[in-house]
Amino acid sequence: MPGTDHTEIEAWNTAIRLAASIGRLKVPSNLRASQEAQDRAFQAAGEAAARIAEAGAREGQAQAAILREARGSLAACRSWLHVLAALVNEPESVFAAELDLIDQAGKQINAY
């Protein structure tokens, strides 16, 4: 689907919701490391959204490569959320909504 408007790609919309959700998190810690972990998770979600948007303008192997990069960014986002949970000494279920959005975006990328 080359030339697809990125706003019509479900995975892009999900990645944007993910980034917004991470950006709104209220982390109950004043550790600089926890703020950095949240920032890195936010950045990775944004990178995934950017890659998905870029994939809409590509086709074939180029699109597949960019979508792999988007999945990699989602994996990094997941990892940073796990780090954040450990730093604030909270169960990972505290970030269940964000982790669900990561899973959903991954499935949407696979379907795309």
N, C-alpha and C. Protein backbone atom coordinates (compact mmCIF):
# COMPACT_ATOMS: atom_id res chain seq x y z
N MET A 1 0.81 -1.19 0.00
CA MET A 1 0.00 0.00 0.00
C MET A 1 0.86 1.25 0.00
N PRO A 2 1.67 1.47 -1.00
CA PRO A 2 2.49 2.67 -1.01
C PRO A 2 1.63 3.92 -1.11
N GLY A 3 2.11 4.97 -0.50
CA GLY A 3 1.40 6.22 -0.54
C GLY A 3 0.22 6.30 0.41
N THR A 4 0.12 5.35 1.33
CA THR A 4 -0.96 5.35 2.31
C THR A 4 -0.75 6.49 3.29
N ASP A 5 -1.80 7.23 3.56
CA ASP A 5 -1.73 8.29 4.56
C ASP A 5 -1.52 7.63 5.92
N HIS A 6 -0.45 8.02 6.61
CA HIS A 6 -0.10 7.35 7.86
C HIS A 6 -1.19 7.44 8.92
N THR A 7 -2.04 8.45 8.86
CA THR A 7 -3.10 8.58 9.85
C THR A 7 -4.17 7.52 9.69
N GLU A 8 -4.16 6.83 8.54
CA GLU A 8 -5.13 5.77 8.29
C GLU A 8 -4.59 4.39 8.67
N ILE A 9 -3.36 4.33 9.12
CA ILE A 9 -2.74 3.06 9.51
C ILE A 9 -3.04 2.83 10.99
N GLU A 10 -3.73 1.73 11.29
CA GLU A 10 -4.13 1.44 12.67
C GLU A 10 -2.93 1.38 13.61
N ALA A 11 -1.86 0.76 13.17
CA ALA A 11 -0.68 0.63 14.03
C ALA A 11 -0.10 1.99 14.38
N TRP A 12 -0.16 2.94 13.47
CA TRP A 12 0.35 4.29 13.75
C TRP A 12 -0.52 4.93 14.82
N ASN A 13 -1.83 4.83 14.68
CA ASN A 13 -2.72 5.41 15.68
C ASN A 13 -2.49 4.79 17.05
N THR A 14 -2.26 3.49 17.09
CA THR A 14 -2.01 2.81 18.36
C THR A 14 -0.68 3.27 18.95
N ALA A 15 0.35 3.41 18.13
CA ALA A 15 1.65 3.88 18.62
C ALA A 15 1.55 5.30 19.15
N ILE A 16 0.74 6.13 18.53
CA ILE A 16 0.54 7.50 19.03
C ILE A 16 -0.17 7.47 20.38
N ARG A 17 -1.19 6.61 20.50
CA ARG A 17 -1.88 6.47 21.80
C ARG A 17 -0.92 5.97 22.87
N LEU A 18 -0.03 5.05 22.49
CA LEU A 18 0.97 4.53 23.41
C LEU A 18 1.90 5.65 23.88
N ALA A 19 2.43 6.43 22.96
CA ALA A 19 3.32 7.53 23.33
C ALA A 19 2.61 8.52 24.25
N ALA A 20 1.37 8.84 23.94
CA ALA A 20 0.61 9.77 24.78
C ALA A 20 0.40 9.19 26.17
N SER A 21 0.10 7.92 26.24
CA SER A 21 -0.12 7.27 27.53
C SER A 21 1.15 7.28 28.38
N ILE A 22 2.28 6.97 27.75
CA ILE A 22 3.55 6.99 28.48
C ILE A 22 3.89 8.41 28.92
N GLY A 23 3.64 9.37 28.06
CA GLY A 23 3.92 10.76 28.40
C GLY A 23 3.10 11.26 29.56
N ARG A 24 1.92 10.70 29.76
CA ARG A 24 1.04 11.14 30.86
C ARG A 24 1.28 10.39 32.16
N LEU A 25 2.15 9.38 32.15
CA LEU A 25 2.39 8.61 33.37
C LEU A 25 2.88 9.51 34.49
N LYS A 26 2.36 9.28 35.66
CA LYS A 26 2.82 9.97 36.86
C LYS A 26 3.66 8.98 37.63
N VAL A 27 4.97 9.11 37.51
CA VAL A 27 5.88 8.16 38.14
C VAL A 27 6.10 8.58 39.59
N PRO A 28 5.78 7.67 40.53
CA PRO A 28 5.90 8.01 41.95
C PRO A 28 7.33 7.88 42.47
N SER A 29 8.25 8.55 41.82
CA SER A 29 9.65 8.47 42.21
C SER A 29 10.35 9.74 41.77
N ASN A 30 11.28 10.16 42.60
CA ASN A 30 12.06 11.33 42.21
C ASN A 30 13.46 10.92 41.74
N LEU A 31 13.66 9.62 41.53
CA LEU A 31 14.94 9.16 40.99
C LEU A 31 15.11 9.63 39.56
N ARG A 32 16.25 10.13 39.26
CA ARG A 32 16.52 10.58 37.90
C ARG A 32 16.46 9.40 36.92
N ALA A 33 16.87 8.23 37.38
CA ALA A 33 16.86 7.05 36.53
C ALA A 33 15.44 6.68 36.12
N SER A 34 14.47 6.85 37.01
CA SER A 34 13.09 6.51 36.65
C SER A 34 12.55 7.49 35.61
N GLN A 35 12.91 8.75 35.73
CA GLN A 35 12.49 9.73 34.73
C GLN A 35 13.13 9.43 33.38
N GLU A 36 14.40 9.01 33.42
CA GLU A 36 15.08 8.68 32.17
C GLU A 36 14.45 7.45 31.52
N ALA A 37 14.08 6.46 32.32
CA ALA A 37 13.43 5.26 31.77
C ALA A 37 12.10 5.63 31.12
N GLN A 38 11.34 6.51 31.76
CA GLN A 38 10.08 6.95 31.17
C GLN A 38 10.34 7.71 29.88
N ASP A 39 11.34 8.57 29.88
CA ASP A 39 11.68 9.32 28.67
C ASP A 39 12.10 8.39 27.53
N ARG A 40 12.87 7.37 27.85
CA ARG A 40 13.31 6.43 26.83
C ARG A 40 12.13 5.63 26.28
N ALA A 41 11.21 5.23 27.16
CA ALA A 41 10.01 4.50 26.69
C ALA A 41 9.19 5.40 25.77
N PHE A 42 9.04 6.66 26.15
CA PHE A 42 8.30 7.62 25.33
C PHE A 42 8.98 7.80 23.98
N GLN A 43 10.30 7.93 24.00
CA GLN A 43 11.06 8.11 22.76
C GLN A 43 10.91 6.88 21.85
N ALA A 44 10.97 5.69 22.42
CA ALA A 44 10.85 4.47 21.62
C ALA A 44 9.46 4.36 21.00
N ALA A 45 8.43 4.75 21.74
CA ALA A 45 7.06 4.73 21.19
C ALA A 45 6.95 5.73 20.04
N GLY A 46 7.57 6.89 20.19
CA GLY A 46 7.57 7.88 19.12
C GLY A 46 8.32 7.40 17.89
N GLU A 47 9.43 6.71 18.11
CA GLU A 47 10.19 6.15 16.99
C GLU A 47 9.37 5.10 16.25
N ALA A 48 8.64 4.29 17.00
CA ALA A 48 7.79 3.28 16.36
C ALA A 48 6.74 3.96 15.48
N ALA A 49 6.12 5.01 16.01
CA ALA A 49 5.11 5.73 15.23
C ALA A 49 5.72 6.34 13.97
N ALA A 50 6.92 6.88 14.10
CA ALA A 50 7.58 7.49 12.95
C ALA A 50 7.91 6.44 11.89
N ARG A 51 8.37 5.28 12.32
CA ARG A 51 8.70 4.21 11.37
C ARG A 51 7.44 3.71 10.65
N ILE A 52 6.37 3.58 11.39
CA ILE A 52 5.11 3.12 10.79
C ILE A 52 4.64 4.13 9.74
N ALA A 53 4.72 5.41 10.06
CA ALA A 53 4.33 6.44 9.09
C ALA A 53 5.21 6.38 7.85
N GLU A 54 6.51 6.16 8.07
CA GLU A 54 7.44 6.07 6.94
C GLU A 54 7.13 4.84 6.08
N ALA A 55 6.74 3.75 6.71
CA ALA A 55 6.42 2.53 5.98
C ALA A 55 5.24 2.71 5.04
N GLY A 56 4.33 3.62 5.39
CA GLY A 56 3.18 3.89 4.54
C GLY A 56 3.55 4.43 3.17
N ALA A 57 4.74 5.01 3.09
CA ALA A 57 5.19 5.59 1.82
C ALA A 57 6.10 4.64 1.04
N ARG A 58 6.33 3.46 1.57
CA ARG A 58 7.23 2.50 0.93
C ARG A 58 6.45 1.27 0.49
N GLU A 59 7.14 0.40 -0.22
CA GLU A 59 6.53 -0.87 -0.62
C GLU A 59 7.60 -1.94 -0.64
N GLY A 60 7.17 -3.16 -0.66
CA GLY A 60 8.08 -4.30 -0.80
C GLY A 60 9.05 -4.45 0.35
N GLN A 61 10.30 -4.77 0.01
CA GLN A 61 11.33 -5.04 1.02
C GLN A 61 11.64 -3.81 1.87
N ALA A 62 11.58 -2.64 1.27
CA ALA A 62 11.85 -1.41 2.03
C ALA A 62 10.80 -1.25 3.13
N GLN A 63 9.54 -1.49 2.78
CA GLN A 63 8.47 -1.38 3.77
C GLN A 63 8.65 -2.43 4.87
N ALA A 64 8.99 -3.65 4.49
CA ALA A 64 9.18 -4.73 5.47
C ALA A 64 10.32 -4.39 6.43
N ALA A 65 11.40 -3.82 5.92
CA ALA A 65 12.54 -3.45 6.76
C ALA A 65 12.15 -2.36 7.76
N ILE A 66 11.40 -1.38 7.29
CA ILE A 66 10.99 -0.29 8.17
C ILE A 66 10.02 -0.80 9.24
N LEU A 67 9.15 -1.71 8.87
CA LEU A 67 8.21 -2.27 9.85
C LEU A 67 8.95 -3.13 10.88
N ARG A 68 10.04 -3.80 10.48
CA ARG A 68 10.88 -4.52 11.46
C ARG A 68 11.48 -3.54 12.45
N GLU A 69 11.93 -2.40 11.95
CA GLU A 69 12.48 -1.37 12.84
C GLU A 69 11.42 -0.87 13.81
N ALA A 70 10.19 -0.73 13.32
CA ALA A 70 9.09 -0.29 14.19
C ALA A 70 8.85 -1.32 15.29
N ARG A 71 8.86 -2.60 14.93
CA ARG A 71 8.69 -3.65 15.95
C ARG A 71 9.84 -3.61 16.95
N GLY A 72 11.03 -3.32 16.47
CA GLY A 72 12.18 -3.18 17.37
C GLY A 72 12.01 -2.03 18.34
N SER A 73 11.46 -0.93 17.86
CA SER A 73 11.19 0.22 18.73
C SER A 73 10.14 -0.12 19.77
N LEU A 74 9.13 -0.88 19.37
CA LEU A 74 8.12 -1.31 20.33
C LEU A 74 8.73 -2.22 21.39
N ALA A 75 9.64 -3.09 20.99
CA ALA A 75 10.32 -3.97 21.94
C ALA A 75 11.16 -3.16 22.92
N ALA A 76 11.83 -2.13 22.41
CA ALA A 76 12.61 -1.25 23.29
C ALA A 76 11.70 -0.53 24.28
N CYS A 77 10.56 -0.09 23.80
CA CYS A 77 9.59 0.58 24.66
C CYS A 77 9.15 -0.35 25.79
N ARG A 78 8.84 -1.60 25.43
CA ARG A 78 8.45 -2.60 26.43
C ARG A 78 9.57 -2.77 27.47
N SER A 79 10.79 -2.87 26.99
CA SER A 79 11.92 -3.07 27.90
C SER A 79 12.07 -1.90 28.87
N TRP A 80 11.92 -0.69 28.36
CA TRP A 80 12.04 0.48 29.23
C TRP A 80 10.90 0.55 30.24
N LEU A 81 9.73 0.08 29.86
CA LEU A 81 8.64 0.03 30.84
C LEU A 81 8.93 -0.98 31.94
N HIS A 82 9.56 -2.10 31.59
CA HIS A 82 9.96 -3.08 32.60
C HIS A 82 11.02 -2.49 33.53
N VAL A 83 11.96 -1.76 32.97
CA VAL A 83 12.98 -1.09 33.78
C VAL A 83 12.31 -0.08 34.70
N LEU A 84 11.39 0.69 34.17
CA LEU A 84 10.68 1.68 34.98
C LEU A 84 9.95 1.03 36.15
N ALA A 85 9.28 -0.08 35.88
CA ALA A 85 8.56 -0.80 36.94
C ALA A 85 9.54 -1.24 38.03
N ALA A 86 10.70 -1.72 37.63
CA ALA A 86 11.69 -2.16 38.62
C ALA A 86 12.23 -0.98 39.43
N LEU A 87 12.46 0.14 38.76
CA LEU A 87 13.01 1.31 39.45
C LEU A 87 12.05 1.90 40.47
N VAL A 88 10.77 1.88 40.16
CA VAL A 88 9.78 2.45 41.09
C VAL A 88 9.21 1.38 42.01
N ASN A 89 9.76 0.16 41.91
CA ASN A 89 9.37 -0.95 42.77
C ASN A 89 7.86 -1.21 42.72
N GLU A 90 7.36 -1.27 41.51
CA GLU A 90 5.94 -1.54 41.27
C GLU A 90 5.83 -2.79 40.40
N PRO A 91 4.73 -3.52 40.53
CA PRO A 91 4.54 -4.66 39.63
C PRO A 91 4.33 -4.16 38.20
N GLU A 92 4.71 -4.98 37.25
CA GLU A 92 4.57 -4.59 35.85
C GLU A 92 3.12 -4.36 35.46
N SER A 93 2.20 -4.92 36.25
CA SER A 93 0.77 -4.73 35.96
C SER A 93 0.36 -3.27 36.08
N VAL A 94 1.16 -2.45 36.75
CA VAL A 94 0.87 -1.01 36.84
C VAL A 94 0.88 -0.40 35.44
N PHE A 95 1.68 -0.98 34.56
CA PHE A 95 1.80 -0.48 33.19
C PHE A 95 1.06 -1.38 32.21
N ALA A 96 0.04 -2.06 32.67
CA ALA A 96 -0.71 -3.01 31.84
C ALA A 96 -1.30 -2.35 30.60
N ALA A 97 -1.85 -1.16 30.75
CA ALA A 97 -2.47 -0.48 29.60
C ALA A 97 -1.43 -0.21 28.52
N GLU A 98 -0.26 0.26 28.93
CA GLU A 98 0.79 0.56 27.96
C GLU A 98 1.32 -0.73 27.31
N LEU A 99 1.50 -1.77 28.13
CA LEU A 99 1.98 -3.04 27.58
C LEU A 99 0.96 -3.64 26.62
N ASP A 100 -0.32 -3.46 26.91
CA ASP A 100 -1.36 -3.93 25.99
C ASP A 100 -1.32 -3.16 24.67
N LEU A 101 -1.07 -1.86 24.74
CA LEU A 101 -0.97 -1.07 23.51
C LEU A 101 0.23 -1.52 22.67
N ILE A 102 1.32 -1.89 23.33
CA ILE A 102 2.49 -2.40 22.60
C ILE A 102 2.13 -3.68 21.88
N ASP A 103 1.44 -4.59 22.58
CA ASP A 103 1.02 -5.85 21.96
C ASP A 103 0.08 -5.58 20.78
N GLN A 104 -0.86 -4.68 20.99
CA GLN A 104 -1.83 -4.36 19.94
C GLN A 104 -1.14 -3.77 18.72
N ALA A 105 -0.21 -2.83 18.94
CA ALA A 105 0.51 -2.23 17.82
C ALA A 105 1.34 -3.27 17.07
N GLY A 106 1.94 -4.20 17.80
CA GLY A 106 2.72 -5.26 17.15
C GLY A 106 1.85 -6.13 16.26
N LYS A 107 0.68 -6.48 16.75
CA LYS A 107 -0.25 -7.28 15.96
C LYS A 107 -0.73 -6.52 14.73
N GLN A 108 -0.96 -5.22 14.89
CA GLN A 108 -1.41 -4.40 13.76
C GLN A 108 -0.30 -4.26 12.72
N ILE A 109 0.94 -4.16 13.18
CA ILE A 109 2.05 -4.11 12.22
C ILE A 109 2.11 -5.41 11.44
N ASN A 110 1.97 -6.54 12.13
CA ASN A 110 1.99 -7.83 11.44
C ASN A 110 0.87 -7.93 10.42
N ALA A 111 -0.29 -7.40 10.75
CA ALA A 111 -1.43 -7.45 9.83
C ALA A 111 -1.24 -6.49 8.66
N TYR A 112 -0.51 -5.42 8.87
CA TYR A 112 -0.30 -4.41 7.84
C TYR A 112 0.59 -4.96 6.76
